[in-house]
Amino acid sequence: MFLVNVHVRVKPEAVEDFKRIVIENARNSVMEAGIVRFDIIQQTDDPTRFILVEVYRSEEATIKHKQTEHYARWRDQAVGMMAEPRTSVRYNCLFPEETQWEYPQPMR
């Protein structure tokens, strides 16, 4: 299991539009075979800050994700909404095990 946390700071006037496009991207992303989870969290004391918590089956799945049409659409739309360039941190997952990360079946 491979995790990527993407940190995004959005311009205040773009928060609602950003939420719309990032949720659309996440909904499409969880349909990819190599993605186990794709969570979006918004900071409570600063609603312009988001973290995308992406859980992949492998590092190769991260590469395939960035080749999808929905990722390219999100990337191109989001760049103008960002107050600064996004950053990411990569992790290897030690726990939980892969089967414990799965979304319940109805979400897929």
N, C-alpha and C. Protein backbone atom coordinates (compact mmCIF):
# COMPACT_ATOMS: atom_id res chain seq x y z
N MET A 1 0.84 -1.18 0.00
CA MET A 1 0.00 0.00 0.00
C MET A 1 0.89 1.24 0.00
N PHE A 2 0.43 2.22 -0.71
CA PHE A 2 1.21 3.44 -0.92
C PHE A 2 0.27 4.62 -0.75
N LEU A 3 0.64 5.57 0.08
CA LEU A 3 -0.20 6.74 0.34
C LEU A 3 0.47 8.01 -0.16
N VAL A 4 -0.37 8.92 -0.63
CA VAL A 4 0.09 10.25 -1.00
C VAL A 4 -0.86 11.25 -0.33
N ASN A 5 -0.29 12.17 0.43
CA ASN A 5 -1.07 13.27 1.00
C ASN A 5 -0.73 14.52 0.21
N VAL A 6 -1.74 15.09 -0.45
CA VAL A 6 -1.55 16.28 -1.26
C VAL A 6 -2.12 17.46 -0.48
N HIS A 7 -1.29 18.46 -0.25
CA HIS A 7 -1.69 19.66 0.50
C HIS A 7 -1.99 20.77 -0.49
N VAL A 8 -3.19 21.35 -0.36
CA VAL A 8 -3.63 22.37 -1.29
C VAL A 8 -4.14 23.57 -0.50
N ARG A 9 -3.70 24.75 -0.90
CA ARG A 9 -4.26 25.99 -0.37
C ARG A 9 -4.93 26.72 -1.52
N VAL A 10 -6.22 26.99 -1.35
CA VAL A 10 -7.05 27.54 -2.41
C VAL A 10 -7.31 29.02 -2.14
N LYS A 11 -7.45 29.80 -3.19
CA LYS A 11 -7.84 31.20 -3.04
C LYS A 11 -9.22 31.25 -2.38
N PRO A 12 -9.44 32.17 -1.44
CA PRO A 12 -10.73 32.21 -0.72
C PRO A 12 -11.95 32.25 -1.65
N GLU A 13 -11.86 32.99 -2.72
CA GLU A 13 -13.00 33.11 -3.62
C GLU A 13 -13.24 31.85 -4.47
N ALA A 14 -12.30 30.90 -4.42
CA ALA A 14 -12.42 29.70 -5.24
C ALA A 14 -12.76 28.44 -4.45
N VAL A 15 -12.98 28.57 -3.14
CA VAL A 15 -13.20 27.40 -2.29
C VAL A 15 -14.35 26.53 -2.78
N GLU A 16 -15.50 27.11 -3.05
CA GLU A 16 -16.67 26.30 -3.45
C GLU A 16 -16.45 25.63 -4.80
N ASP A 17 -15.86 26.34 -5.75
CA ASP A 17 -15.57 25.73 -7.05
C ASP A 17 -14.53 24.62 -6.91
N PHE A 18 -13.54 24.84 -6.07
CA PHE A 18 -12.52 23.82 -5.85
C PHE A 18 -13.16 22.56 -5.25
N LYS A 19 -14.02 22.74 -4.27
CA LYS A 19 -14.68 21.59 -3.66
C LYS A 19 -15.45 20.78 -4.71
N ARG A 20 -16.13 21.47 -5.59
CA ARG A 20 -16.90 20.79 -6.64
C ARG A 20 -16.00 19.95 -7.54
N ILE A 21 -14.89 20.54 -8.01
CA ILE A 21 -14.05 19.80 -8.96
C ILE A 21 -13.21 18.71 -8.28
N VAL A 22 -12.81 18.94 -7.04
CA VAL A 22 -12.00 17.92 -6.36
C VAL A 22 -12.85 16.72 -5.98
N ILE A 23 -14.12 16.95 -5.64
CA ILE A 23 -15.01 15.83 -5.35
C ILE A 23 -15.30 15.04 -6.62
N GLU A 24 -15.49 15.74 -7.73
CA GLU A 24 -15.69 15.05 -9.01
C GLU A 24 -14.48 14.18 -9.35
N ASN A 25 -13.28 14.70 -9.16
CA ASN A 25 -12.08 13.94 -9.41
C ASN A 25 -12.00 12.72 -8.49
N ALA A 26 -12.32 12.90 -7.22
CA ALA A 26 -12.26 11.79 -6.26
C ALA A 26 -13.26 10.69 -6.64
N ARG A 27 -14.46 11.08 -7.03
CA ARG A 27 -15.47 10.08 -7.42
C ARG A 27 -15.00 9.24 -8.60
N ASN A 28 -14.34 9.87 -9.55
CA ASN A 28 -13.79 9.13 -10.68
C ASN A 28 -12.57 8.32 -10.26
N SER A 29 -11.76 8.86 -9.38
CA SER A 29 -10.53 8.19 -8.97
C SER A 29 -10.79 6.87 -8.26
N VAL A 30 -11.80 6.82 -7.39
CA VAL A 30 -12.06 5.58 -6.66
C VAL A 30 -12.55 4.46 -7.57
N MET A 31 -12.87 4.79 -8.81
CA MET A 31 -13.26 3.76 -9.77
C MET A 31 -12.04 3.09 -10.41
N GLU A 32 -10.87 3.67 -10.24
CA GLU A 32 -9.65 3.09 -10.79
C GLU A 32 -9.26 1.85 -9.99
N ALA A 33 -8.82 0.81 -10.71
CA ALA A 33 -8.46 -0.45 -10.05
C ALA A 33 -7.32 -0.28 -9.04
N GLY A 34 -6.41 0.64 -9.28
CA GLY A 34 -5.24 0.79 -8.42
C GLY A 34 -5.44 1.69 -7.22
N ILE A 35 -6.62 2.30 -7.10
CA ILE A 35 -6.87 3.22 -6.00
C ILE A 35 -7.79 2.55 -4.98
N VAL A 36 -7.35 2.57 -3.74
CA VAL A 36 -8.12 1.97 -2.66
C VAL A 36 -9.01 3.01 -1.99
N ARG A 37 -8.49 4.20 -1.78
CA ARG A 37 -9.26 5.30 -1.18
C ARG A 37 -8.79 6.61 -1.78
N PHE A 38 -9.68 7.59 -1.74
CA PHE A 38 -9.33 8.93 -2.20
C PHE A 38 -10.18 9.88 -1.37
N ASP A 39 -9.65 10.29 -0.24
CA ASP A 39 -10.38 11.13 0.71
C ASP A 39 -9.99 12.59 0.54
N ILE A 40 -10.95 13.46 0.75
CA ILE A 40 -10.71 14.90 0.70
C ILE A 40 -11.08 15.46 2.06
N ILE A 41 -10.15 16.15 2.68
CA ILE A 41 -10.45 16.76 3.97
C ILE A 41 -10.16 18.25 3.89
N GLN A 42 -10.99 19.02 4.59
CA GLN A 42 -10.89 20.48 4.59
C GLN A 42 -10.59 20.92 6.02
N GLN A 43 -9.63 21.80 6.17
CA GLN A 43 -9.23 22.28 7.49
C GLN A 43 -10.36 23.10 8.11
N THR A 44 -10.66 22.86 9.38
CA THR A 44 -11.80 23.53 10.00
C THR A 44 -11.52 24.99 10.34
N ASP A 45 -10.30 25.32 10.75
CA ASP A 45 -10.02 26.71 11.13
C ASP A 45 -9.49 27.55 9.97
N ASP A 46 -9.28 26.93 8.81
CA ASP A 46 -8.88 27.65 7.61
C ASP A 46 -9.46 26.90 6.41
N PRO A 47 -10.67 27.23 6.00
CA PRO A 47 -11.35 26.47 4.94
C PRO A 47 -10.71 26.58 3.57
N THR A 48 -9.63 27.33 3.43
CA THR A 48 -8.92 27.39 2.16
C THR A 48 -7.88 26.28 2.05
N ARG A 49 -7.71 25.51 3.11
CA ARG A 49 -6.69 24.44 3.12
C ARG A 49 -7.35 23.07 3.08
N PHE A 50 -6.81 22.25 2.17
CA PHE A 50 -7.32 20.91 1.95
C PHE A 50 -6.16 19.92 1.96
N ILE A 51 -6.49 18.68 2.29
CA ILE A 51 -5.56 17.58 2.10
C ILE A 51 -6.30 16.49 1.35
N LEU A 52 -5.69 15.99 0.29
CA LEU A 52 -6.20 14.85 -0.43
C LEU A 52 -5.42 13.65 0.08
N VAL A 53 -6.11 12.67 0.64
CA VAL A 53 -5.49 11.47 1.17
C VAL A 53 -5.75 10.36 0.16
N GLU A 54 -4.71 10.02 -0.59
CA GLU A 54 -4.84 9.07 -1.69
C GLU A 54 -4.15 7.78 -1.29
N VAL A 55 -4.86 6.66 -1.37
CA VAL A 55 -4.30 5.36 -1.01
C VAL A 55 -4.30 4.49 -2.26
N TYR A 56 -3.12 4.05 -2.64
CA TYR A 56 -2.91 3.26 -3.86
C TYR A 56 -2.44 1.85 -3.53
N ARG A 57 -2.73 0.94 -4.42
CA ARG A 57 -2.24 -0.44 -4.25
C ARG A 57 -0.74 -0.54 -4.53
N SER A 58 -0.22 0.38 -5.33
CA SER A 58 1.21 0.35 -5.69
C SER A 58 1.64 1.73 -6.16
N GLU A 59 2.93 1.91 -6.25
CA GLU A 59 3.43 3.18 -6.79
C GLU A 59 3.08 3.31 -8.27
N GLU A 60 3.04 2.18 -8.97
CA GLU A 60 2.65 2.20 -10.39
C GLU A 60 1.23 2.76 -10.57
N ALA A 61 0.36 2.49 -9.62
CA ALA A 61 -1.02 3.00 -9.70
C ALA A 61 -1.05 4.52 -9.64
N THR A 62 -0.08 5.14 -8.95
CA THR A 62 -0.03 6.61 -8.91
C THR A 62 0.29 7.16 -10.29
N ILE A 63 1.14 6.46 -11.02
CA ILE A 63 1.50 6.88 -12.37
C ILE A 63 0.30 6.75 -13.30
N LYS A 64 -0.41 5.63 -13.21
CA LYS A 64 -1.60 5.41 -14.04
C LYS A 64 -2.67 6.45 -13.74
N HIS A 65 -2.81 6.80 -12.46
CA HIS A 65 -3.81 7.81 -12.07
C HIS A 65 -3.55 9.13 -12.79
N LYS A 66 -2.29 9.53 -12.85
CA LYS A 66 -1.96 10.81 -13.46
C LYS A 66 -2.09 10.80 -14.98
N GLN A 67 -2.38 9.64 -15.55
CA GLN A 67 -2.60 9.53 -16.99
C GLN A 67 -4.08 9.53 -17.36
N THR A 68 -4.95 9.63 -16.36
CA THR A 68 -6.39 9.58 -16.64
C THR A 68 -6.90 10.95 -17.09
N GLU A 69 -8.00 10.89 -17.82
CA GLU A 69 -8.64 12.12 -18.30
C GLU A 69 -9.18 12.96 -17.14
N HIS A 70 -9.76 12.30 -16.15
CA HIS A 70 -10.35 13.06 -15.04
C HIS A 70 -9.28 13.75 -14.20
N TYR A 71 -8.11 13.13 -14.04
CA TYR A 71 -7.02 13.80 -13.31
C TYR A 71 -6.54 15.03 -14.09
N ALA A 72 -6.34 14.87 -15.39
CA ALA A 72 -5.88 15.99 -16.22
C ALA A 72 -6.87 17.14 -16.18
N ARG A 73 -8.16 16.83 -16.22
CA ARG A 73 -9.19 17.87 -16.15
C ARG A 73 -9.12 18.59 -14.80
N TRP A 74 -9.01 17.82 -13.71
CA TRP A 74 -8.91 18.43 -12.37
C TRP A 74 -7.66 19.30 -12.27
N ARG A 75 -6.53 18.77 -12.68
CA ARG A 75 -5.27 19.50 -12.61
C ARG A 75 -5.36 20.82 -13.35
N ASP A 76 -5.89 20.79 -14.55
CA ASP A 76 -5.97 22.00 -15.36
C ASP A 76 -6.95 23.03 -14.78
N GLN A 77 -8.04 22.57 -14.21
CA GLN A 77 -9.01 23.49 -13.60
C GLN A 77 -8.51 24.02 -12.26
N ALA A 78 -7.89 23.17 -11.47
CA ALA A 78 -7.51 23.53 -10.10
C ALA A 78 -6.34 24.51 -10.03
N VAL A 79 -5.46 24.46 -10.99
CA VAL A 79 -4.24 25.28 -10.89
C VAL A 79 -4.55 26.76 -10.72
N GLY A 80 -5.54 27.26 -11.39
CA GLY A 80 -5.90 28.67 -11.27
C GLY A 80 -6.63 29.01 -9.98
N MET A 81 -7.09 28.00 -9.27
CA MET A 81 -7.80 28.21 -8.01
C MET A 81 -6.86 28.20 -6.81
N MET A 82 -5.64 27.74 -7.03
CA MET A 82 -4.71 27.57 -5.91
C MET A 82 -4.01 28.88 -5.55
N ALA A 83 -3.89 29.12 -4.26
CA ALA A 83 -3.19 30.30 -3.76
C ALA A 83 -1.67 30.11 -3.81
N GLU A 84 -1.25 28.87 -3.90
CA GLU A 84 0.18 28.52 -4.00
C GLU A 84 0.25 27.12 -4.60
N PRO A 85 1.40 26.73 -5.12
CA PRO A 85 1.50 25.38 -5.70
C PRO A 85 1.21 24.30 -4.65
N ARG A 86 0.52 23.26 -5.07
CA ARG A 86 0.24 22.16 -4.16
C ARG A 86 1.54 21.39 -3.86
N THR A 87 1.56 20.73 -2.72
CA THR A 87 2.70 19.90 -2.35
C THR A 87 2.19 18.52 -1.99
N SER A 88 3.08 17.54 -2.04
CA SER A 88 2.66 16.20 -1.68
C SER A 88 3.76 15.51 -0.88
N VAL A 89 3.32 14.58 -0.05
CA VAL A 89 4.21 13.76 0.75
C VAL A 89 3.79 12.32 0.52
N ARG A 90 4.77 11.45 0.26
CA ARG A 90 4.49 10.04 -0.03
C ARG A 90 4.84 9.17 1.18
N TYR A 91 4.02 8.15 1.39
CA TYR A 91 4.20 7.26 2.53
C TYR A 91 3.99 5.81 2.11
N ASN A 92 4.65 4.90 2.82
CA ASN A 92 4.34 3.48 2.74
C ASN A 92 3.40 3.18 3.90
N CYS A 93 2.37 2.42 3.65
CA CYS A 93 1.38 2.10 4.68
C CYS A 93 1.83 0.86 5.45
N LEU A 94 1.95 0.99 6.76
CA LEU A 94 2.28 -0.13 7.62
C LEU A 94 1.04 -0.79 8.21
N PHE A 95 0.04 0.03 8.52
CA PHE A 95 -1.21 -0.45 9.08
C PHE A 95 -2.27 0.60 8.81
N PRO A 96 -3.46 0.28 8.44
CA PRO A 96 -4.04 -1.06 8.37
C PRO A 96 -3.63 -1.81 7.11
N GLU A 97 -3.98 -3.07 7.10
CA GLU A 97 -3.71 -3.89 5.92
C GLU A 97 -4.63 -3.48 4.78
N GLU A 98 -4.28 -3.90 3.59
CA GLU A 98 -4.99 -3.47 2.38
C GLU A 98 -6.50 -3.67 2.46
N THR A 99 -6.97 -4.80 2.93
CA THR A 99 -8.40 -5.07 2.94
C THR A 99 -9.15 -4.17 3.93
N GLN A 100 -8.47 -3.61 4.89
CA GLN A 100 -9.12 -2.75 5.86
C GLN A 100 -9.29 -1.32 5.36
N TRP A 101 -8.72 -0.99 4.20
CA TRP A 101 -8.85 0.34 3.60
C TRP A 101 -10.04 0.44 2.67
N GLU A 102 -10.59 -0.64 2.25
CA GLU A 102 -11.62 -0.65 1.21
C GLU A 102 -12.85 0.18 1.59
N TYR A 103 -13.40 0.87 0.61
CA TYR A 103 -14.70 1.52 0.75
C TYR A 103 -15.76 0.44 0.81
N PRO A 104 -16.86 0.67 1.48
CA PRO A 104 -17.98 -0.28 1.39
C PRO A 104 -18.42 -0.38 -0.07
N GLN A 105 -18.89 -1.50 -0.47
CA GLN A 105 -19.24 -1.77 -1.86
C GLN A 105 -20.16 -0.73 -2.50
N PRO A 106 -21.19 -0.19 -1.84
CA PRO A 106 -22.09 0.76 -2.52
C PRO A 106 -21.39 2.01 -3.07
N MET A 107 -20.25 2.42 -2.52
CA MET A 107 -19.57 3.63 -3.01
C MET A 107 -18.91 3.41 -4.36
N ARG A 108 -18.62 2.20 -4.69
CA ARG A 108 -17.93 1.90 -5.95
C ARG A 108 -18.95 1.82 -7.01
